[in-house]
Amino acid sequence: MRVLSIVSLLFLTHLLQIGLFAGGFWIAETVFGIGGFEGAAMAHPLDYLYFSAVTYTSLGIGDIVPTGHLRFLTGVEALNGLLLIAWSASFLFATMNRLWDWRPCVAPED
């Protein structure tokens, strides 16, 4: 149950991070005007969330392409997502090693 709670918390944390970057992209484009997006239209807030999720996970589909200085923010998000997903996986692995009692599959030979 603890591992499931940790996985859920990590997932929600990643979603929060994606949401923060999506808000940052919206603010950077509409308020500060430091760049824009080409390709598919960014007409709905979920479009920013979609682009942020694709960038955060380093999937990089390419149907939406940032222009201007938003390219730098996109690179920062991709690097941040890569590091945080890798950290989450290693944290979860360490936690599972600590919480679960692992039995060897093969008996050691004398």
N, C-alpha and C. Protein backbone atom coordinates (compact mmCIF):
# COMPACT_ATOMS: atom_id res chain seq x y z
N MET A 1 0.83 -1.20 0.00
CA MET A 1 0.00 0.00 0.00
C MET A 1 0.87 1.27 0.00
N ARG A 2 2.01 1.18 0.70
CA ARG A 2 2.89 2.36 0.75
C ARG A 2 3.50 2.64 -0.62
N VAL A 3 3.86 1.59 -1.33
CA VAL A 3 4.46 1.78 -2.65
C VAL A 3 3.44 2.40 -3.60
N LEU A 4 2.20 1.94 -3.54
CA LEU A 4 1.14 2.52 -4.37
C LEU A 4 0.94 3.99 -4.04
N SER A 5 0.99 4.33 -2.76
CA SER A 5 0.85 5.73 -2.36
C SER A 5 2.00 6.57 -2.90
N ILE A 6 3.21 6.02 -2.85
CA ILE A 6 4.37 6.75 -3.35
C ILE A 6 4.28 6.94 -4.86
N VAL A 7 3.88 5.89 -5.58
CA VAL A 7 3.73 6.00 -7.03
C VAL A 7 2.68 7.06 -7.38
N SER A 8 1.57 7.05 -6.67
CA SER A 8 0.51 8.04 -6.92
C SER A 8 1.00 9.45 -6.63
N LEU A 9 1.74 9.63 -5.54
CA LEU A 9 2.26 10.95 -5.20
C LEU A 9 3.28 11.42 -6.25
N LEU A 10 4.15 10.52 -6.70
CA LEU A 10 5.10 10.88 -7.74
C LEU A 10 4.39 11.27 -9.03
N PHE A 11 3.36 10.51 -9.40
CA PHE A 11 2.60 10.82 -10.61
C PHE A 11 1.93 12.20 -10.51
N LEU A 12 1.32 12.48 -9.37
CA LEU A 12 0.68 13.78 -9.19
C LEU A 12 1.71 14.91 -9.19
N THR A 13 2.88 14.65 -8.65
CA THR A 13 3.94 15.66 -8.65
C THR A 13 4.40 15.96 -10.07
N HIS A 14 4.53 14.92 -10.88
CA HIS A 14 4.91 15.14 -12.29
C HIS A 14 3.82 15.90 -13.03
N LEU A 15 2.56 15.58 -12.77
CA LEU A 15 1.46 16.32 -13.40
C LEU A 15 1.46 17.78 -12.99
N LEU A 16 1.76 18.05 -11.73
CA LEU A 16 1.85 19.43 -11.25
C LEU A 16 2.98 20.17 -11.96
N GLN A 17 4.12 19.51 -12.10
CA GLN A 17 5.26 20.12 -12.80
C GLN A 17 4.90 20.41 -14.26
N ILE A 18 4.22 19.48 -14.92
CA ILE A 18 3.78 19.70 -16.30
C ILE A 18 2.82 20.88 -16.37
N GLY A 19 1.92 20.96 -15.42
CA GLY A 19 0.98 22.08 -15.37
C GLY A 19 1.66 23.42 -15.14
N LEU A 20 2.68 23.44 -14.30
CA LEU A 20 3.42 24.68 -14.07
C LEU A 20 4.13 25.15 -15.34
N PHE A 21 4.74 24.21 -16.06
CA PHE A 21 5.39 24.58 -17.31
C PHE A 21 4.36 25.02 -18.36
N ALA A 22 3.20 24.37 -18.39
CA ALA A 22 2.15 24.78 -19.34
C ALA A 22 1.71 26.21 -19.05
N GLY A 23 1.53 26.53 -17.77
CA GLY A 23 1.19 27.91 -17.40
C GLY A 23 2.30 28.88 -17.77
N GLY A 24 3.54 28.44 -17.59
CA GLY A 24 4.68 29.27 -17.98
C GLY A 24 4.72 29.54 -19.47
N PHE A 25 4.41 28.50 -20.27
CA PHE A 25 4.36 28.69 -21.72
C PHE A 25 3.27 29.69 -22.10
N TRP A 26 2.12 29.56 -21.48
CA TRP A 26 1.01 30.48 -21.79
C TRP A 26 1.38 31.91 -21.42
N ILE A 27 1.95 32.09 -20.23
CA ILE A 27 2.34 33.43 -19.79
C ILE A 27 3.44 33.99 -20.69
N ALA A 28 4.42 33.16 -21.03
CA ALA A 28 5.52 33.63 -21.87
C ALA A 28 5.04 34.04 -23.25
N GLU A 29 4.03 33.33 -23.77
CA GLU A 29 3.54 33.66 -25.11
C GLU A 29 2.59 34.84 -25.09
N THR A 30 1.61 34.82 -24.19
CA THR A 30 0.56 35.84 -24.25
C THR A 30 0.90 37.12 -23.49
N VAL A 31 1.57 37.01 -22.35
CA VAL A 31 1.85 38.20 -21.54
C VAL A 31 3.17 38.84 -21.96
N PHE A 32 4.23 38.04 -22.00
CA PHE A 32 5.56 38.59 -22.30
C PHE A 32 5.87 38.64 -23.78
N GLY A 33 5.21 37.81 -24.57
CA GLY A 33 5.41 37.81 -26.02
C GLY A 33 6.83 37.47 -26.44
N ILE A 34 7.45 36.52 -25.76
CA ILE A 34 8.85 36.18 -26.08
C ILE A 34 8.97 35.05 -27.09
N GLY A 35 7.86 34.64 -27.66
CA GLY A 35 7.89 33.58 -28.65
C GLY A 35 6.48 33.14 -28.96
N GLY A 36 6.37 32.09 -29.73
CA GLY A 36 5.06 31.57 -30.10
C GLY A 36 5.16 30.11 -30.47
N PHE A 37 4.12 29.62 -31.10
CA PHE A 37 4.06 28.23 -31.50
C PHE A 37 3.61 28.14 -32.95
N GLU A 38 4.22 27.22 -33.69
CA GLU A 38 3.82 26.96 -35.06
C GLU A 38 3.29 25.54 -35.15
N GLY A 39 2.56 25.28 -36.19
CA GLY A 39 1.98 23.95 -36.37
C GLY A 39 0.53 23.96 -35.93
N ALA A 40 0.16 23.01 -35.11
CA ALA A 40 -1.22 22.94 -34.61
C ALA A 40 -1.52 24.19 -33.78
N ALA A 41 -2.75 24.67 -33.88
CA ALA A 41 -3.15 25.89 -33.18
C ALA A 41 -3.20 25.67 -31.67
N MET A 42 -2.77 26.68 -30.93
CA MET A 42 -2.81 26.64 -29.46
C MET A 42 -4.02 27.46 -29.02
N ALA A 43 -5.21 26.92 -29.22
CA ALA A 43 -6.43 27.67 -28.97
C ALA A 43 -7.05 27.39 -27.61
N HIS A 44 -6.64 26.34 -26.96
CA HIS A 44 -7.27 25.90 -25.72
C HIS A 44 -6.19 25.67 -24.67
N PRO A 45 -6.49 25.90 -23.38
CA PRO A 45 -5.47 25.64 -22.35
C PRO A 45 -4.94 24.20 -22.36
N LEU A 46 -5.75 23.25 -22.78
CA LEU A 46 -5.27 21.88 -22.84
C LEU A 46 -4.20 21.68 -23.91
N ASP A 47 -4.16 22.57 -24.91
CA ASP A 47 -3.10 22.50 -25.91
C ASP A 47 -1.75 22.80 -25.28
N TYR A 48 -1.71 23.76 -24.36
CA TYR A 48 -0.47 24.06 -23.64
C TYR A 48 -0.08 22.89 -22.73
N LEU A 49 -1.06 22.28 -22.10
CA LEU A 49 -0.80 21.12 -21.24
C LEU A 49 -0.30 19.94 -22.07
N TYR A 50 -0.87 19.74 -23.24
CA TYR A 50 -0.42 18.68 -24.14
C TYR A 50 1.02 18.91 -24.56
N PHE A 51 1.33 20.13 -25.01
CA PHE A 51 2.69 20.43 -25.44
C PHE A 51 3.68 20.25 -24.30
N SER A 52 3.28 20.69 -23.11
CA SER A 52 4.14 20.56 -21.95
C SER A 52 4.39 19.10 -21.59
N ALA A 53 3.35 18.27 -21.66
CA ALA A 53 3.52 16.84 -21.35
C ALA A 53 4.41 16.15 -22.37
N VAL A 54 4.26 16.50 -23.64
CA VAL A 54 5.09 15.91 -24.69
C VAL A 54 6.55 16.34 -24.49
N THR A 55 6.77 17.57 -24.09
CA THR A 55 8.13 18.05 -23.87
C THR A 55 8.72 17.46 -22.60
N TYR A 56 7.97 17.44 -21.53
CA TYR A 56 8.44 16.94 -20.22
C TYR A 56 8.88 15.49 -20.30
N THR A 57 8.15 14.69 -21.05
CA THR A 57 8.49 13.28 -21.16
C THR A 57 9.50 13.02 -22.26
N SER A 58 9.97 14.06 -22.93
CA SER A 58 10.93 13.98 -24.04
C SER A 58 10.40 13.15 -25.19
N LEU A 59 9.08 13.10 -25.34
CA LEU A 59 8.46 12.38 -26.44
C LEU A 59 8.70 13.13 -27.75
N GLY A 60 8.46 14.43 -27.74
CA GLY A 60 8.77 15.28 -28.88
C GLY A 60 8.08 14.90 -30.18
N ILE A 61 6.77 14.88 -30.20
CA ILE A 61 6.03 14.49 -31.40
C ILE A 61 6.29 15.45 -32.56
N GLY A 62 6.30 16.75 -32.32
CA GLY A 62 6.64 17.71 -33.35
C GLY A 62 5.47 18.33 -34.06
N ASP A 63 4.24 18.07 -33.62
CA ASP A 63 3.10 18.71 -34.25
C ASP A 63 2.95 20.17 -33.81
N ILE A 64 3.55 20.52 -32.68
CA ILE A 64 3.59 21.90 -32.21
C ILE A 64 5.07 22.23 -32.00
N VAL A 65 5.51 23.34 -32.60
CA VAL A 65 6.92 23.71 -32.54
C VAL A 65 7.04 25.11 -31.94
N PRO A 66 7.84 25.27 -30.89
CA PRO A 66 8.02 26.61 -30.31
C PRO A 66 8.92 27.47 -31.17
N THR A 67 8.68 28.77 -31.11
CA THR A 67 9.52 29.73 -31.83
C THR A 67 10.03 30.76 -30.84
N GLY A 68 11.02 31.49 -31.26
CA GLY A 68 11.57 32.55 -30.42
C GLY A 68 12.25 31.98 -29.18
N HIS A 69 12.17 32.73 -28.11
CA HIS A 69 12.83 32.33 -26.88
C HIS A 69 12.09 31.20 -26.15
N LEU A 70 10.91 30.83 -26.60
CA LEU A 70 10.22 29.68 -26.01
C LEU A 70 10.97 28.38 -26.29
N ARG A 71 11.83 28.40 -27.29
CA ARG A 71 12.64 27.22 -27.57
C ARG A 71 13.55 26.89 -26.40
N PHE A 72 14.10 27.91 -25.76
CA PHE A 72 14.97 27.68 -24.60
C PHE A 72 14.17 27.11 -23.43
N LEU A 73 12.99 27.67 -23.18
CA LEU A 73 12.14 27.16 -22.11
C LEU A 73 11.74 25.71 -22.38
N THR A 74 11.53 25.37 -23.63
CA THR A 74 11.20 23.99 -24.01
C THR A 74 12.36 23.06 -23.69
N GLY A 75 13.56 23.48 -24.00
CA GLY A 75 14.74 22.67 -23.68
C GLY A 75 14.93 22.49 -22.19
N VAL A 76 14.69 23.54 -21.43
CA VAL A 76 14.80 23.45 -19.98
C VAL A 76 13.77 22.47 -19.43
N GLU A 77 12.56 22.50 -19.95
CA GLU A 77 11.53 21.57 -19.49
C GLU A 77 11.90 20.13 -19.83
N ALA A 78 12.42 19.89 -21.01
CA ALA A 78 12.81 18.53 -21.40
C ALA A 78 13.91 18.00 -20.49
N LEU A 79 14.91 18.83 -20.20
CA LEU A 79 15.98 18.41 -19.30
C LEU A 79 15.45 18.18 -17.89
N ASN A 80 14.61 19.06 -17.42
CA ASN A 80 14.01 18.93 -16.10
C ASN A 80 13.17 17.66 -16.00
N GLY A 81 12.36 17.40 -17.02
CA GLY A 81 11.54 16.19 -17.01
C GLY A 81 12.38 14.93 -17.02
N LEU A 82 13.44 14.92 -17.82
CA LEU A 82 14.33 13.76 -17.87
C LEU A 82 14.95 13.48 -16.51
N LEU A 83 15.45 14.53 -15.87
CA LEU A 83 16.07 14.36 -14.56
C LEU A 83 15.07 13.93 -13.50
N LEU A 84 13.89 14.54 -13.48
CA LEU A 84 12.92 14.21 -12.44
C LEU A 84 12.30 12.83 -12.64
N ILE A 85 12.09 12.41 -13.87
CA ILE A 85 11.56 11.06 -14.10
C ILE A 85 12.60 10.02 -13.70
N ALA A 86 13.88 10.26 -14.04
CA ALA A 86 14.94 9.33 -13.65
C ALA A 86 15.09 9.30 -12.13
N TRP A 87 15.02 10.46 -11.49
CA TRP A 87 15.11 10.50 -10.03
C TRP A 87 13.93 9.76 -9.40
N SER A 88 12.74 9.94 -9.94
CA SER A 88 11.56 9.25 -9.40
C SER A 88 11.70 7.74 -9.51
N ALA A 89 12.23 7.28 -10.63
CA ALA A 89 12.41 5.84 -10.80
C ALA A 89 13.43 5.29 -9.81
N SER A 90 14.53 5.99 -9.62
CA SER A 90 15.54 5.50 -8.68
C SER A 90 15.04 5.60 -7.24
N PHE A 91 14.29 6.64 -6.92
CA PHE A 91 13.70 6.77 -5.58
C PHE A 91 12.72 5.64 -5.32
N LEU A 92 11.90 5.34 -6.30
CA LEU A 92 10.93 4.25 -6.14
C LEU A 92 11.64 2.90 -6.00
N PHE A 93 12.69 2.69 -6.76
CA PHE A 93 13.45 1.45 -6.65
C PHE A 93 14.09 1.32 -5.27
N ALA A 94 14.69 2.40 -4.76
CA ALA A 94 15.29 2.37 -3.42
C ALA A 94 14.24 2.13 -2.35
N THR A 95 13.09 2.74 -2.50
CA THR A 95 12.01 2.55 -1.53
C THR A 95 11.51 1.11 -1.55
N MET A 96 11.35 0.54 -2.74
CA MET A 96 10.89 -0.84 -2.84
C MET A 96 11.93 -1.79 -2.23
N ASN A 97 13.20 -1.53 -2.41
CA ASN A 97 14.24 -2.36 -1.80
C ASN A 97 14.20 -2.29 -0.28
N ARG A 98 13.84 -1.12 0.24
CA ARG A 98 13.79 -0.94 1.69
C ARG A 98 12.52 -1.54 2.29
N LEU A 99 11.39 -1.43 1.58
CA LEU A 99 10.11 -1.86 2.14
C LEU A 99 9.80 -3.34 1.92
N TRP A 100 10.26 -3.91 0.83
CA TRP A 100 9.91 -5.28 0.50
C TRP A 100 11.05 -6.22 0.87
N ASP A 101 10.68 -7.40 1.34
CA ASP A 101 11.66 -8.42 1.66
C ASP A 101 11.87 -9.28 0.42
N TRP A 102 13.04 -9.16 -0.19
CA TRP A 102 13.34 -9.89 -1.42
C TRP A 102 13.96 -11.24 -1.07
N ARG A 103 13.42 -12.29 -1.66
CA ARG A 103 13.99 -13.62 -1.48
C ARG A 103 14.78 -13.98 -2.74
N PRO A 104 15.94 -14.59 -2.56
CA PRO A 104 16.71 -14.97 -3.75
C PRO A 104 16.01 -16.05 -4.54
N CYS A 105 16.16 -15.99 -5.85
CA CYS A 105 15.51 -16.97 -6.73
C CYS A 105 16.28 -18.29 -6.74
N VAL A 106 17.55 -18.24 -6.46
CA VAL A 106 18.40 -19.44 -6.51
C VAL A 106 19.10 -19.57 -5.17
N ALA A 107 19.14 -20.76 -4.62
CA ALA A 107 19.84 -20.98 -3.38
C ALA A 107 21.35 -20.90 -3.61
N PRO A 108 22.06 -20.22 -2.72
CA PRO A 108 23.51 -20.12 -2.90
C PRO A 108 24.18 -21.47 -2.71
N GLU A 109 25.23 -21.71 -3.49
CA GLU A 109 25.97 -22.96 -3.36
C GLU A 109 27.05 -22.82 -2.29
N ASP A 110 27.31 -23.91 -1.58
CA ASP A 110 28.33 -23.88 -0.53
C ASP A 110 29.70 -24.06 -1.08
